[in-house]
Amino acid sequence: MGQGNALVPHIFSQKRCELKLTRYVVIDEVSFRAVEGNGFVGLLHELQPRFKIPDRKKLQVWFMIYSWRRKRRYEV
């Protein structure tokens, strides 16, 4: 973001995309079902065709792990 028109190299990472998707769901309080919607799937495929979108059950597990880690960070 904020790169303007500059062309910057990018290396695709499935894991990094999964983390960003999980953060999106947590921070923006998006329904787990929304990640399986045709519009959202189409958008992600257009942005990054190599990204394999996880189903909502897998996303729920990541959500619990992410929330637990985030909670622990603020308790210390």
Protein backbone atom coordinates (compact mmCIF):
# COMPACT_ATOMS: atom_id res chain seq x y z
CA MET A 1 0.00 0.00 0.00
CA GLY A 2 1.14 3.49 -0.67
CA GLN A 3 3.58 2.28 -3.34
CA GLY A 4 2.08 4.44 -6.07
CA ASN A 5 2.76 3.19 -9.59
CA ALA A 6 6.04 1.51 -8.71
CA LEU A 7 6.37 -2.12 -9.75
CA VAL A 8 7.49 -4.16 -6.75
CA PRO A 9 8.44 -7.84 -6.64
CA HIS A 10 6.05 -10.15 -4.83
CA ILE A 11 6.46 -13.74 -3.69
CA PHE A 12 3.20 -15.64 -3.17
CA SER A 13 2.76 -17.34 0.19
CA GLN A 14 -0.33 -19.47 0.87
CA LYS A 15 0.35 -19.28 4.61
CA ARG A 16 0.63 -15.47 4.59
CA CYS A 17 -2.62 -15.16 2.64
CA GLU A 18 -4.35 -17.46 5.13
CA LEU A 19 -3.14 -15.31 8.01
CA LYS A 20 -4.34 -12.12 6.29
CA LEU A 21 -7.73 -13.70 5.61
CA THR A 22 -8.01 -14.75 9.27
CA ARG A 23 -7.07 -11.24 10.45
CA TYR A 24 -9.67 -9.79 8.06
CA VAL A 25 -12.40 -12.00 9.56
CA VAL A 26 -11.35 -11.17 13.13
CA ILE A 27 -10.74 -7.43 12.80
CA ASP A 28 -13.72 -6.64 10.53
CA GLU A 29 -16.00 -9.15 12.28
CA VAL A 30 -16.90 -10.89 9.03
CA SER A 31 -19.09 -14.00 9.05
CA PHE A 32 -17.22 -17.27 8.49
CA ARG A 33 -19.81 -18.11 5.83
CA ALA A 34 -18.85 -14.99 3.86
CA VAL A 35 -15.51 -16.52 2.81
CA GLU A 36 -17.42 -19.14 0.82
CA GLY A 37 -19.70 -16.64 -0.97
CA ASN A 38 -19.44 -16.48 -4.76
CA GLY A 39 -18.65 -12.77 -4.81
CA PHE A 40 -15.83 -13.03 -2.26
CA VAL A 41 -14.38 -16.17 -3.85
CA GLY A 42 -14.46 -14.48 -7.26
CA LEU A 43 -12.73 -11.37 -5.91
CA LEU A 44 -9.94 -13.35 -4.24
CA HIS A 45 -9.45 -15.49 -7.33
CA GLU A 46 -9.11 -12.37 -9.45
CA LEU A 47 -6.60 -10.82 -7.02
CA GLN A 48 -4.54 -14.00 -6.49
CA PRO A 49 -5.49 -17.06 -8.59
CA ARG A 50 -3.02 -19.31 -6.73
CA PHE A 51 -4.62 -18.76 -3.34
CA LYS A 52 -6.61 -21.79 -2.21
CA ILE A 53 -9.43 -20.38 -0.09
CA PRO A 54 -9.99 -22.41 3.09
CA ASP A 55 -13.47 -23.55 4.04
CA ARG A 56 -15.20 -21.89 6.97
CA LYS A 57 -14.51 -24.79 9.37
CA LYS A 58 -10.75 -24.44 8.86
CA LEU A 59 -11.07 -20.68 9.20
CA GLN A 60 -12.91 -21.11 12.52
CA VAL A 61 -9.97 -23.11 13.89
CA TRP A 62 -7.50 -20.45 12.77
CA PHE A 63 -9.78 -17.80 14.27
CA MET A 64 -9.67 -19.50 17.68
CA ILE A 65 -5.87 -19.86 17.53
CA TYR A 66 -5.40 -16.25 16.37
CA SER A 67 -7.77 -14.92 19.06
CA TRP A 68 -6.08 -16.98 21.77
CA ARG A 69 -2.61 -15.72 20.77
CA ARG A 70 -3.84 -12.15 20.56
CA LYS A 71 -5.45 -12.40 24.00
CA ARG A 72 -2.27 -13.84 25.53
CA ARG A 73 -0.20 -11.02 24.07
CA TYR A 74 -2.33 -8.39 25.84
CA GLU A 75 -2.41 -10.26 29.16
CA VAL A 76 1.34 -10.11 29.64
